[in-house]
């Protein structure tokens, strides 16, 4: 079982209003230089937010959600501090409601 951590906000906030693209490109560059496998993903409208576990969190996102999903808790904590106006969460997968953490609507 894998634990995933994430920050969530509206797609517009994460992809237009914040310099997330720059942050992710820099992290990818760093991983490549250090021969580290990518452990983070940007997902637009992820299915796991439709589960009962995240119903309250999803209701707080004003429009189509997006998330940065990772197995690295420290990276998600960094993003929360850097982006400020995002929700955070975690889940273990697979579970009764989430079979594929990368599935999108």
N, C-alpha and C. Protein backbone atom coordinates (compact mmCIF):
# COMPACT_ATOMS: atom_id res chain seq x y z
N UNK A 1 0.85 -1.17 0.00
CA UNK A 1 0.00 0.00 0.00
C UNK A 1 0.90 1.24 0.00
N UNK A 2 0.54 2.21 -0.82
CA UNK A 2 1.32 3.44 -0.95
C UNK A 2 0.54 4.60 -0.36
N UNK A 3 1.23 5.47 0.37
CA UNK A 3 0.61 6.69 0.89
C UNK A 3 0.91 7.83 -0.08
N UNK A 4 -0.16 8.51 -0.49
CA UNK A 4 -0.05 9.67 -1.37
C UNK A 4 -0.44 10.92 -0.59
N UNK A 5 0.27 12.00 -0.84
CA UNK A 5 0.00 13.30 -0.25
C UNK A 5 -0.33 14.25 -1.39
N UNK A 6 -1.14 15.27 -1.11
CA UNK A 6 -1.47 16.19 -2.19
C UNK A 6 -1.83 17.57 -1.68
N UNK A 7 -1.68 18.54 -2.59
CA UNK A 7 -2.25 19.87 -2.42
C UNK A 7 -3.32 19.98 -3.49
N UNK A 8 -4.42 20.63 -3.16
CA UNK A 8 -5.53 20.77 -4.10
C UNK A 8 -6.02 22.21 -4.10
N UNK A 9 -6.43 22.65 -5.27
CA UNK A 9 -7.02 23.98 -5.45
C UNK A 9 -7.74 23.97 -6.79
N UNK A 10 -8.26 25.11 -7.18
CA UNK A 10 -8.88 25.16 -8.50
C UNK A 10 -7.78 25.04 -9.56
N UNK A 11 -8.14 24.46 -10.68
CA UNK A 11 -7.18 24.33 -11.77
C UNK A 11 -6.63 25.69 -12.17
N UNK A 12 -7.50 26.69 -12.22
CA UNK A 12 -7.06 28.04 -12.61
C UNK A 12 -6.01 28.57 -11.63
N UNK A 13 -6.25 28.38 -10.34
CA UNK A 13 -5.30 28.87 -9.35
C UNK A 13 -3.94 28.19 -9.51
N UNK A 14 -3.94 26.86 -9.64
CA UNK A 14 -2.67 26.14 -9.72
C UNK A 14 -1.94 26.33 -11.05
N UNK A 15 -2.67 26.48 -12.14
CA UNK A 15 -2.00 26.50 -13.45
C UNK A 15 -1.88 27.89 -14.06
N UNK A 16 -2.63 28.85 -13.56
CA UNK A 16 -2.57 30.19 -14.15
C UNK A 16 -2.08 31.23 -13.15
N UNK A 17 -2.67 31.25 -11.98
CA UNK A 17 -2.38 32.31 -11.00
C UNK A 17 -1.09 32.12 -10.22
N UNK A 18 -0.64 30.89 -10.08
CA UNK A 18 0.58 30.60 -9.32
C UNK A 18 1.68 30.10 -10.25
N UNK A 19 2.93 30.30 -9.88
CA UNK A 19 4.06 29.85 -10.72
C UNK A 19 4.37 28.36 -10.52
N UNK A 20 3.32 27.54 -10.46
CA UNK A 20 3.51 26.11 -10.21
C UNK A 20 4.34 25.45 -11.30
N UNK A 21 4.13 25.85 -12.55
CA UNK A 21 4.88 25.27 -13.66
C UNK A 21 6.38 25.43 -13.43
N UNK A 22 6.77 26.59 -12.99
CA UNK A 22 8.19 26.86 -12.71
C UNK A 22 8.72 25.96 -11.58
N UNK A 23 7.93 25.81 -10.54
CA UNK A 23 8.33 24.97 -9.40
C UNK A 23 8.50 23.52 -9.85
N UNK A 24 7.54 23.01 -10.62
CA UNK A 24 7.61 21.61 -11.06
C UNK A 24 8.75 21.38 -12.04
N UNK A 25 9.00 22.34 -12.94
CA UNK A 25 10.13 22.20 -13.87
C UNK A 25 11.46 22.16 -13.12
N UNK A 26 11.61 23.01 -12.12
CA UNK A 26 12.85 23.04 -11.34
C UNK A 26 13.02 21.72 -10.59
N UNK A 27 11.96 21.21 -10.04
CA UNK A 27 12.04 19.94 -9.31
C UNK A 27 12.39 18.79 -10.26
N UNK A 28 11.81 18.80 -11.46
CA UNK A 28 12.12 17.77 -12.45
C UNK A 28 13.59 17.84 -12.85
N UNK A 29 14.10 19.05 -13.04
CA UNK A 29 15.51 19.23 -13.38
C UNK A 29 16.40 18.67 -12.28
N UNK A 30 16.06 18.99 -11.04
CA UNK A 30 16.83 18.50 -9.90
C UNK A 30 16.80 16.98 -9.82
N UNK A 31 15.65 16.39 -10.04
CA UNK A 31 15.54 14.92 -10.01
C UNK A 31 16.40 14.30 -11.11
N UNK A 32 16.37 14.89 -12.29
CA UNK A 32 17.15 14.36 -13.41
C UNK A 32 18.65 14.42 -13.08
N UNK A 33 19.10 15.54 -12.55
CA UNK A 33 20.51 15.70 -12.19
C UNK A 33 20.95 14.69 -11.14
N UNK A 34 20.02 14.31 -10.27
CA UNK A 34 20.34 13.39 -9.18
C UNK A 34 19.87 11.96 -9.45
N UNK A 35 19.50 11.69 -10.68
CA UNK A 35 19.02 10.35 -11.08
C UNK A 35 17.93 9.82 -10.15
N UNK A 36 17.01 10.69 -9.80
CA UNK A 36 15.92 10.32 -8.91
C UNK A 36 14.64 10.15 -9.73
N UNK A 37 13.87 9.13 -9.40
CA UNK A 37 12.62 8.86 -10.10
C UNK A 37 11.56 9.90 -9.71
N UNK A 38 10.79 10.35 -10.69
CA UNK A 38 9.72 11.33 -10.45
C UNK A 38 8.71 10.73 -9.48
N UNK A 39 8.36 11.49 -8.44
CA UNK A 39 7.39 11.03 -7.45
C UNK A 39 6.30 12.07 -7.21
N UNK A 40 6.03 12.88 -8.24
CA UNK A 40 4.98 13.88 -8.14
C UNK A 40 4.30 14.04 -9.50
N UNK A 41 3.02 14.39 -9.47
CA UNK A 41 2.23 14.49 -10.69
C UNK A 41 1.20 15.60 -10.53
N UNK A 42 0.96 16.36 -11.60
CA UNK A 42 -0.11 17.35 -11.65
C UNK A 42 -1.30 16.68 -12.32
N UNK A 43 -2.41 16.61 -11.61
CA UNK A 43 -3.62 15.98 -12.13
C UNK A 43 -4.76 16.99 -12.15
N UNK A 44 -5.42 17.09 -13.27
CA UNK A 44 -6.58 17.97 -13.39
C UNK A 44 -7.85 17.15 -13.22
N UNK A 45 -8.67 17.55 -12.28
CA UNK A 45 -9.94 16.89 -11.95
C UNK A 45 -9.75 15.41 -11.60
N UNK A 46 -8.93 15.11 -10.59
CA UNK A 46 -8.68 13.72 -10.22
C UNK A 46 -9.92 13.04 -9.64
N UNK A 47 -10.11 11.80 -10.00
CA UNK A 47 -11.27 11.04 -9.54
C UNK A 47 -11.29 10.84 -8.03
N UNK A 48 -10.13 10.74 -7.41
CA UNK A 48 -10.13 10.46 -5.97
C UNK A 48 -10.80 11.56 -5.16
N UNK A 49 -10.89 12.78 -5.71
CA UNK A 49 -11.59 13.84 -4.99
C UNK A 49 -13.11 13.64 -4.99
N UNK A 50 -13.61 12.72 -5.81
CA UNK A 50 -15.04 12.42 -5.87
C UNK A 50 -15.48 11.46 -4.77
N UNK A 51 -14.54 10.90 -4.03
CA UNK A 51 -14.87 9.92 -3.00
C UNK A 51 -15.45 10.60 -1.77
N UNK A 52 -16.14 9.82 -0.95
CA UNK A 52 -16.73 10.37 0.27
C UNK A 52 -15.66 10.91 1.22
N UNK A 53 -14.49 10.32 1.17
CA UNK A 53 -13.38 10.75 2.03
C UNK A 53 -13.03 12.22 1.81
N UNK A 54 -13.18 12.70 0.57
CA UNK A 54 -12.77 14.07 0.25
C UNK A 54 -13.94 14.97 -0.15
N UNK A 55 -15.16 14.59 0.16
CA UNK A 55 -16.34 15.38 -0.21
C UNK A 55 -16.27 16.79 0.38
N UNK A 56 -15.89 16.91 1.65
CA UNK A 56 -15.82 18.22 2.29
C UNK A 56 -14.73 19.08 1.66
N UNK A 57 -13.58 18.48 1.42
CA UNK A 57 -12.46 19.21 0.80
C UNK A 57 -12.85 19.69 -0.60
N UNK A 58 -13.45 18.83 -1.41
CA UNK A 58 -13.82 19.20 -2.77
C UNK A 58 -14.85 20.32 -2.78
N UNK A 59 -15.74 20.32 -1.81
CA UNK A 59 -16.78 21.36 -1.77
C UNK A 59 -16.18 22.75 -1.53
N UNK A 60 -14.96 22.81 -1.04
CA UNK A 60 -14.30 24.10 -0.76
C UNK A 60 -13.53 24.64 -1.97
N UNK A 61 -13.41 23.82 -3.01
CA UNK A 61 -12.69 24.24 -4.22
C UNK A 61 -13.72 24.86 -5.17
N UNK A 62 -13.56 26.14 -5.54
CA UNK A 62 -14.60 26.86 -6.27
C UNK A 62 -14.92 26.40 -7.68
N UNK A 63 -14.03 25.75 -8.35
CA UNK A 63 -14.29 25.29 -9.71
C UNK A 63 -13.53 24.00 -9.96
N UNK A 64 -13.34 23.63 -11.21
CA UNK A 64 -12.65 22.39 -11.54
C UNK A 64 -11.36 22.27 -10.74
N UNK A 65 -11.22 21.19 -9.97
CA UNK A 65 -10.03 21.05 -9.13
C UNK A 65 -8.82 20.51 -9.88
N UNK A 66 -7.67 20.78 -9.32
CA UNK A 66 -6.42 20.19 -9.77
C UNK A 66 -5.62 19.89 -8.52
N UNK A 67 -4.73 18.91 -8.62
CA UNK A 67 -3.90 18.55 -7.48
C UNK A 67 -2.47 18.30 -7.93
N UNK A 68 -1.55 18.50 -7.01
CA UNK A 68 -0.21 17.96 -7.17
C UNK A 68 -0.17 16.80 -6.19
N UNK A 69 0.01 15.62 -6.74
CA UNK A 69 0.01 14.37 -5.98
C UNK A 69 1.45 13.89 -5.87
N UNK A 70 1.83 13.42 -4.69
CA UNK A 70 3.20 12.95 -4.51
C UNK A 70 3.27 11.89 -3.41
N UNK A 71 4.31 11.12 -3.46
CA UNK A 71 4.60 10.20 -2.37
C UNK A 71 5.57 10.83 -1.37
N UNK A 72 5.99 12.06 -1.65
CA UNK A 72 6.95 12.79 -0.82
C UNK A 72 6.22 13.84 0.03
N UNK A 73 6.03 13.52 1.29
CA UNK A 73 5.30 14.42 2.20
C UNK A 73 5.99 15.78 2.32
N UNK A 74 7.32 15.79 2.35
CA UNK A 74 8.05 17.06 2.50
C UNK A 74 7.80 17.98 1.31
N UNK A 75 7.71 17.43 0.11
CA UNK A 75 7.45 18.26 -1.07
C UNK A 75 6.05 18.87 -0.99
N UNK A 76 5.09 18.12 -0.56
CA UNK A 76 3.73 18.63 -0.43
C UNK A 76 3.66 19.71 0.66
N UNK A 77 4.39 19.50 1.75
CA UNK A 77 4.46 20.53 2.80
C UNK A 77 5.08 21.81 2.24
N UNK A 78 6.15 21.67 1.46
CA UNK A 78 6.77 22.82 0.82
C UNK A 78 5.76 23.55 -0.07
N UNK A 79 5.02 22.80 -0.89
CA UNK A 79 4.03 23.42 -1.78
C UNK A 79 2.94 24.14 -0.99
N UNK A 80 2.49 23.55 0.10
CA UNK A 80 1.47 24.19 0.93
C UNK A 80 1.99 25.53 1.46
N UNK A 81 3.23 25.56 1.92
CA UNK A 81 3.80 26.80 2.43
C UNK A 81 4.03 27.81 1.31
N UNK A 82 4.44 27.34 0.15
CA UNK A 82 4.74 28.21 -0.99
C UNK A 82 3.48 28.78 -1.64
N UNK A 83 2.45 27.95 -1.76
CA UNK A 83 1.25 28.37 -2.48
C UNK A 83 0.18 28.95 -1.56
N UNK A 84 0.24 28.67 -0.28
CA UNK A 84 -0.65 29.16 0.76
C UNK A 84 -2.11 28.75 0.61
N UNK A 85 -2.80 29.20 -0.44
CA UNK A 85 -4.25 29.01 -0.54
C UNK A 85 -4.62 27.70 -1.22
N UNK A 86 -4.12 26.62 -0.65
CA UNK A 86 -4.41 25.28 -1.16
C UNK A 86 -4.85 24.40 0.01
N UNK A 87 -5.60 23.38 -0.32
CA UNK A 87 -5.97 22.38 0.68
C UNK A 87 -4.95 21.25 0.61
N UNK A 88 -4.77 20.55 1.68
CA UNK A 88 -3.85 19.41 1.69
C UNK A 88 -4.60 18.17 2.15
N UNK A 89 -4.11 17.03 1.73
CA UNK A 89 -4.71 15.78 2.15
C UNK A 89 -3.77 14.63 1.90
N UNK A 90 -4.22 13.45 2.30
CA UNK A 90 -3.44 12.25 2.05
C UNK A 90 -4.39 11.06 2.04
N UNK A 91 -3.94 9.98 1.42
CA UNK A 91 -4.69 8.74 1.41
C UNK A 91 -3.75 7.59 1.09
N UNK A 92 -4.19 6.41 1.46
CA UNK A 92 -3.45 5.20 1.11
C UNK A 92 -4.18 4.52 -0.03
N UNK A 93 -3.42 3.95 -0.91
CA UNK A 93 -4.01 3.36 -2.10
C UNK A 93 -3.30 2.05 -2.43
N UNK A 94 -3.99 1.06 -2.86
CA UNK A 94 -5.43 1.04 -3.13
C UNK A 94 -6.24 0.90 -1.84
N UNK A 95 -7.48 1.39 -1.90
CA UNK A 95 -8.42 1.22 -0.80
C UNK A 95 -9.81 0.97 -1.39
N UNK A 96 -10.81 0.91 -0.55
CA UNK A 96 -12.16 0.56 -1.02
C UNK A 96 -12.70 1.55 -2.05
N UNK A 97 -12.34 2.83 -1.95
CA UNK A 97 -12.86 3.83 -2.87
C UNK A 97 -11.87 4.24 -3.96
N UNK A 98 -10.59 4.13 -3.70
CA UNK A 98 -9.58 4.61 -4.64
C UNK A 98 -8.71 3.44 -5.08
N UNK A 99 -8.89 3.03 -6.31
CA UNK A 99 -8.09 1.93 -6.88
C UNK A 99 -6.90 2.50 -7.63
N UNK A 100 -7.17 3.56 -8.42
CA UNK A 100 -6.14 4.19 -9.26
C UNK A 100 -6.01 5.66 -8.88
N UNK A 101 -4.95 6.06 -8.19
CA UNK A 101 -4.82 7.45 -7.77
C UNK A 101 -4.63 8.43 -8.92
N UNK A 102 -4.30 7.94 -10.11
CA UNK A 102 -4.04 8.81 -11.25
C UNK A 102 -5.23 8.98 -12.19
N UNK A 103 -6.32 8.33 -11.88
CA UNK A 103 -7.52 8.42 -12.73
C UNK A 103 -8.11 9.83 -12.64
N UNK A 104 -8.48 10.37 -13.79
CA UNK A 104 -9.09 11.71 -13.83
C UNK A 104 -10.48 11.61 -14.43
N UNK A 105 -11.30 12.58 -14.10
CA UNK A 105 -12.68 12.64 -14.61
C UNK A 105 -12.71 13.21 -16.01
